[in-house]
């Protein structure tokens, strides 16, 4: 199994409708391919971590890198992993309009992003945190764990 991390720039700003369509497409296609990961989007910046079998991810990344919805695709990581860090596909999104955000099922608010999974190596976790910072800026930090109830 491998994971690939890349960053890119949206050719045009993605509307809420565009983002929902992208989420739906990713969930459908990734479920068929047993691909998991996370995609961050904010103000035209895109970053994605995908994980799965190499024979599936390598050609998938080639398709992603040629997708006309983004440009300047830069692969940051392409390496073997022992276990998946993201059990299910999810997307993070910084809303253009806060009121419309709640309708985007499956997106994560930048101020409520999950912590970087403990299953990742320190180097990969650091890179994912740097990607998160590059996309969302210094104000977006991982959500604090919920307190345990007695």
C-alpha atoms as a PDB file:
ATOM      1  CA  UNK A   1       0.000   0.000   0.000  1.00  0.00           C
ATOM      2  CA  UNK A   2       1.161   3.582  -0.680  1.00  0.00           C
ATOM      3  CA  UNK A   3       0.053   7.112  -0.114  1.00  0.00           C
ATOM      4  CA  UNK A   4       0.453  10.122  -2.358  1.00  0.00           C
ATOM      5  CA  UNK A   5       0.233  13.732  -1.230  1.00  0.00           C
ATOM      6  CA  UNK A   6       0.017  16.579  -3.718  1.00  0.00           C
ATOM      7  CA  UNK A   7      -0.857  20.259  -3.895  1.00  0.00           C
ATOM      8  CA  UNK A   8      -2.392  22.192  -6.797  1.00  0.00           C
ATOM      9  CA  UNK A   9      -4.299  25.323  -7.690  1.00  0.00           C
ATOM     10  CA  UNK A  10      -7.927  25.404  -8.889  1.00  0.00           C
ATOM     11  CA  UNK A  11      -8.240  26.886 -12.385  1.00  0.00           C
ATOM     12  CA  UNK A  12     -11.486  28.603 -11.290  1.00  0.00           C
ATOM     13  CA  UNK A  13     -12.851  29.070  -7.764  1.00  0.00           C
ATOM     14  CA  UNK A  14     -15.026  26.105  -6.845  1.00  0.00           C
ATOM     15  CA  UNK A  15     -18.590  26.923  -5.832  1.00  0.00           C
ATOM     16  CA  UNK A  16     -20.452  25.023  -3.133  1.00  0.00           C
ATOM     17  CA  UNK A  17     -22.196  23.079  -5.918  1.00  0.00           C
ATOM     18  CA  UNK A  18     -18.830  22.267  -7.575  1.00  0.00           C
ATOM     19  CA  UNK A  19     -17.413  21.058  -4.264  1.00  0.00           C
ATOM     20  CA  UNK A  20     -20.441  18.877  -3.530  1.00  0.00           C
ATOM     21  CA  UNK A  21     -20.202  17.322  -7.017  1.00  0.00           C
ATOM     22  CA  UNK A  22     -16.486  16.678  -6.453  1.00  0.00           C
ATOM     23  CA  UNK A  23     -17.198  15.052  -3.088  1.00  0.00           C
ATOM     24  CA  UNK A  24     -19.875  12.824  -4.614  1.00  0.00           C
ATOM     25  CA  UNK A  25     -17.559  11.791  -7.458  1.00  0.00           C
ATOM     26  CA  UNK A  26     -14.656  11.061  -5.095  1.00  0.00           C
ATOM     27  CA  UNK A  27     -16.780   8.995  -2.724  1.00  0.00           C
ATOM     28  CA  UNK A  28     -18.188   6.899  -5.575  1.00  0.00           C
ATOM     29  CA  UNK A  29     -14.893   6.383  -7.432  1.00  0.00           C
ATOM     30  CA  UNK A  30     -12.774   5.842  -4.332  1.00  0.00           C
ATOM     31  CA  UNK A  31     -15.185   3.306  -2.836  1.00  0.00           C
ATOM     32  CA  UNK A  32     -14.958   1.267  -6.050  1.00  0.00           C
ATOM     33  CA  UNK A  33     -11.145   1.391  -5.947  1.00  0.00           C
ATOM     34  CA  UNK A  34     -10.717   0.987  -2.154  1.00  0.00           C
ATOM     35  CA  UNK A  35      -8.970   4.366  -2.047  1.00  0.00           C
ATOM     36  CA  UNK A  36      -9.118   6.484   1.106  1.00  0.00           C
ATOM     37  CA  UNK A  37      -7.754   9.876   2.022  1.00  0.00           C
ATOM     38  CA  UNK A  38      -8.522  13.506   2.581  1.00  0.00           C
ATOM     39  CA  UNK A  39      -8.811  16.519   0.292  1.00  0.00           C
ATOM     40  CA  UNK A  40      -8.350  20.093   1.502  1.00  0.00           C
ATOM     41  CA  UNK A  41      -9.684  23.092  -0.427  1.00  0.00           C
ATOM     42  CA  UNK A  42      -9.577  26.777   0.433  1.00  0.00           C
ATOM     43  CA  UNK A  43      -9.548  29.884  -1.758  1.00  0.00           C
ATOM     44  CA  UNK A  44      -8.385  28.021  -4.850  1.00  0.00           C
ATOM     45  CA  UNK A  45      -5.705  25.963  -3.102  1.00  0.00           C
ATOM     46  CA  UNK A  46      -6.050  22.190  -3.222  1.00  0.00           C
ATOM     47  CA  UNK A  47      -4.135  19.556  -1.284  1.00  0.00           C
ATOM     48  CA  UNK A  48      -4.910  15.866  -1.248  1.00  0.00           C
ATOM     49  CA  UNK A  49      -3.615  12.737   0.450  1.00  0.00           C
ATOM     50  CA  UNK A  50      -4.778   9.483  -1.147  1.00  0.00           C
ATOM     51  CA  UNK A  51      -3.936   5.990   0.036  1.00  0.00           C
ATOM     52  CA  UNK A  52      -4.411   2.568  -1.432  1.00  0.00           C
ATOM     53  CA  UNK A  53      -2.723  -0.091  -3.529  1.00  0.00           C
ATOM     54  CA  UNK A  54       0.122   1.179  -5.754  1.00  0.00           C
ATOM     55  CA  UNK A  55      -1.282  -0.411  -8.921  1.00  0.00           C
ATOM     56  CA  UNK A  56      -4.428   1.684  -8.400  1.00  0.00           C
ATOM     57  CA  UNK A  57      -2.992   4.939  -7.030  1.00  0.00           C
ATOM     58  CA  UNK A  58      -0.203   5.448  -9.538  1.00  0.00           C
ATOM     59  CA  UNK A  59      -2.500   5.562 -12.605  1.00  0.00           C
ATOM     60  CA  UNK A  60      -5.145   7.428 -10.564  1.00  0.00           C
ATOM     61  CA  UNK A  61      -2.636  10.170  -9.754  1.00  0.00           C
ATOM     62  CA  UNK A  62      -1.814  10.483 -13.462  1.00  0.00           C
ATOM     63  CA  UNK A  63      -5.513  11.054 -14.175  1.00  0.00           C
ATOM     64  CA  UNK A  64      -5.787  13.524 -11.275  1.00  0.00           C
ATOM     65  CA  UNK A  65      -2.719  15.443 -12.447  1.00  0.00           C
ATOM     66  CA  UNK A  66      -4.299  15.920 -15.914  1.00  0.00           C
ATOM     67  CA  UNK A  67      -7.707  16.988 -14.557  1.00  0.00           C
ATOM     68  CA  UNK A  68      -8.592  20.356 -16.092  1.00  0.00           C
ATOM     69  CA  UNK A  69     -10.137  21.684 -12.874  1.00  0.00           C
ATOM     70  CA  UNK A  70      -6.691  22.394 -11.417  1.00  0.00           C
ATOM     71  CA  UNK A  71      -3.134  23.242 -12.462  1.00  0.00           C
ATOM     72  CA  UNK A  72       0.373  23.404 -10.995  1.00  0.00           C
ATOM     73  CA  UNK A  73       0.064  19.887  -9.564  1.00  0.00           C
ATOM     74  CA  UNK A  74       3.086  19.137  -7.380  1.00  0.00           C
ATOM     75  CA  UNK A  75       3.546  15.669  -5.873  1.00  0.00           C
ATOM     76  CA  UNK A  76       4.972  16.012  -2.365  1.00  0.00           C
ATOM     77  CA  UNK A  77       4.999  12.381  -1.205  1.00  0.00           C
ATOM     78  CA  UNK A  78       4.750   9.020  -2.934  1.00  0.00           C
ATOM     79  CA  UNK A  79       5.773   6.239  -0.566  1.00  0.00           C
ATOM     80  CA  UNK A  80       4.844   2.876   0.898  1.00  0.00           C
ATOM     81  CA  UNK A  81       2.746   2.779   4.081  1.00  0.00           C
ATOM     82  CA  UNK A  82       1.967  -0.066   6.448  1.00  0.00           C
ATOM     83  CA  UNK A  83      -1.562   1.025   7.351  1.00  0.00           C
ATOM     84  CA  UNK A  84      -4.124   3.566   6.229  1.00  0.00           C
ATOM     85  CA  UNK A  85      -4.301   6.824   8.141  1.00  0.00           C
ATOM     86  CA  UNK A  86      -7.779   7.779   6.909  1.00  0.00           C
ATOM     87  CA  UNK A  87     -10.391   5.080   7.320  1.00  0.00           C
ATOM     88  CA  UNK A  88     -12.951   6.822   5.125  1.00  0.00           C
ATOM     89  CA  UNK A  89     -12.920   9.465   2.437  1.00  0.00           C
ATOM     90  CA  UNK A  90     -13.549  12.998   3.677  1.00  0.00           C
ATOM     91  CA  UNK A  91     -12.991  16.500   2.388  1.00  0.00           C
ATOM     92  CA  UNK A  92     -12.134  19.697   4.151  1.00  0.00           C
ATOM     93  CA  UNK A  93     -13.495  22.967   2.864  1.00  0.00           C
ATOM     94  CA  UNK A  94     -13.208  26.624   3.793  1.00  0.00           C
ATOM     95  CA  UNK A  95     -16.620  28.018   2.903  1.00  0.00           C
ATOM     96  CA  UNK A  96     -16.965  31.010   0.630  1.00  0.00           C
ATOM     97  CA  UNK A  97     -20.212  31.836   2.432  1.00  0.00           C
ATOM     98  CA  UNK A  98     -20.675  30.505   5.948  1.00  0.00           C
ATOM     99  CA  UNK A  99     -24.463  30.238   5.545  1.00  0.00           C
ATOM    100  CA  UNK A 100     -24.152  27.835   2.607  1.00  0.00           C
ATOM    101  CA  UNK A 101     -21.541  25.687   4.278  1.00  0.00           C
ATOM    102  CA  UNK A 102     -23.901  23.540   6.338  1.00  0.00           C
ATOM    103  CA  UNK A 103     -25.449  22.070   3.170  1.00  0.00           C
ATOM    104  CA  UNK A 104     -22.138  20.514   2.106  1.00  0.00           C
ATOM    105  CA  UNK A 105     -22.431  17.051   3.567  1.00  0.00           C
ATOM    106  CA  UNK A 106     -19.103  15.405   4.312  1.00  0.00           C
ATOM    107  CA  UNK A 107     -16.964  18.529   4.335  1.00  0.00           C
ATOM    108  CA  UNK A 108     -14.965  19.495   7.398  1.00  0.00           C
ATOM    109  CA  UNK A 109     -14.882  23.046   8.692  1.00  0.00           C
ATOM    110  CA  UNK A 110     -11.328  24.401   8.930  1.00  0.00           C
ATOM    111  CA  UNK A 111     -11.881  25.267  12.593  1.00  0.00           C
ATOM    112  CA  UNK A 112     -12.998  21.686  13.282  1.00  0.00           C
ATOM    113  CA  UNK A 113     -10.414  19.674  11.361  1.00  0.00           C
ATOM    114  CA  UNK A 114      -9.541  16.327  12.902  1.00  0.00           C
ATOM    115  CA  UNK A 115      -6.121  15.839  14.384  1.00  0.00           C
ATOM    116  CA  UNK A 116      -3.524  14.247  12.132  1.00  0.00           C
ATOM    117  CA  UNK A 117      -3.876  10.462  12.586  1.00  0.00           C
ATOM    118  CA  UNK A 118      -1.433   8.880  15.038  1.00  0.00           C
ATOM    119  CA  UNK A 119      -0.854   6.062  12.534  1.00  0.00           C
ATOM    120  CA  UNK A 120       1.198   8.386  10.306  1.00  0.00           C
ATOM    121  CA  UNK A 121       4.945   8.664  10.634  1.00  0.00           C
ATOM    122  CA  UNK A 122       6.232  11.863  12.236  1.00  0.00           C
ATOM    123  CA  UNK A 123       7.581  13.057   8.876  1.00  0.00           C
ATOM    124  CA  UNK A 124       4.285  12.455   7.063  1.00  0.00           C
ATOM    125  CA  UNK A 125       2.224  13.972   9.900  1.00  0.00           C
ATOM    126  CA  UNK A 126       4.428  17.070   9.790  1.00  0.00           C
ATOM    127  CA  UNK A 127       3.940  17.367   6.043  1.00  0.00           C
ATOM    128  CA  UNK A 128       0.160  16.953   6.343  1.00  0.00           C
ATOM    129  CA  UNK A 129       0.140  19.668   9.014  1.00  0.00           C
ATOM    130  CA  UNK A 130       2.206  21.925   6.726  1.00  0.00           C
ATOM    131  CA  UNK A 131      -0.223  21.258   3.873  1.00  0.00           C
ATOM    132  CA  UNK A 132      -3.113  22.101   6.198  1.00  0.00           C
ATOM    133  CA  UNK A 133      -1.329  25.358   7.126  1.00  0.00           C
ATOM    134  CA  UNK A 134      -0.647  26.196   3.464  1.00  0.00           C
ATOM    135  CA  UNK A 135      -4.277  25.669   2.489  1.00  0.00           C
ATOM    136  CA  UNK A 136      -6.101  27.127   5.496  1.00  0.00           C
ATOM    137  CA  UNK A 137      -3.570  29.538   6.985  1.00  0.00           C
ATOM    138  CA  UNK A 138      -2.326  29.880  10.552  1.00  0.00           C
ATOM    139  CA  UNK A 139      -5.792  30.183  12.126  1.00  0.00           C
ATOM    140  CA  UNK A 140      -6.867  26.626  11.265  1.00  0.00           C
ATOM    141  CA  UNK A 141      -5.813  24.159  13.894  1.00  0.00           C
ATOM    142  CA  UNK A 142      -6.933  20.603  14.518  1.00  0.00           C
ATOM    143  CA  UNK A 143     -10.022  20.261  16.682  1.00  0.00           C
ATOM    144  CA  UNK A 144      -9.387  19.463  20.312  1.00  0.00           C
ATOM    145  CA  UNK A 145     -10.521  15.989  21.351  1.00  0.00           C
ATOM    146  CA  UNK A 146     -13.979  15.904  22.889  1.00  0.00           C
ATOM    147  CA  UNK A 147     -13.844  15.625  26.696  1.00  0.00           C
ATOM    148  CA  UNK A 148     -14.803  12.245  28.120  1.00  0.00           C
ATOM    149  CA  UNK A 149     -18.136  12.148  29.943  1.00  0.00           C
ATOM    150  CA  UNK A 150     -18.266  10.485  33.357  1.00  0.00           C
END
